């Protein structure tokens, strides 16, 4: 019996004052159904990730064929964005994979951190320039976003 089936059975046993333990056959049936559902969920997750990988590769191919001065992964994201906005691909098709990738997002920053450690001397000697650029670009981005939001709210408030 799987751990999930055992926990489900325990929850059913303790769910009420006069709860009766489920029959062993019922527990075995639930375990088989749960494992089948988990297998289906895993297969769907792999299909979603394969589709995202395919869209990414399509972006790289598009950039290479059209000789566009744009990174391939950015072209892939723009392609996915276009497909989602046009309704060709519904957003619900990528719910599992987006949840998984967002949950493990910090893991994707590990290579960046390792690169910074390898370049510690450069960061220490030129870090003040990096800090100025980061603070400046953040300020420009925040100010631009605020101004656009104010303009849009004024336009929306007009009758």
Foldseek 3Di string as FASTA:
>chain_A
DDPVLVVVQVCQQPVDDPGDGDDPVVSVVVVVVVVVVVVVLVVLLVVLVVVLVVLLVVLVVVCVVVVDPDDSNVSSVVVVVVCCVVVVDPPVSNPVVVVVCVVCVVVVCVVVVVVCVVCVVVCVVCVVVVVVVVVVVVVVVVVVVVVVVVVVVVVVPDD
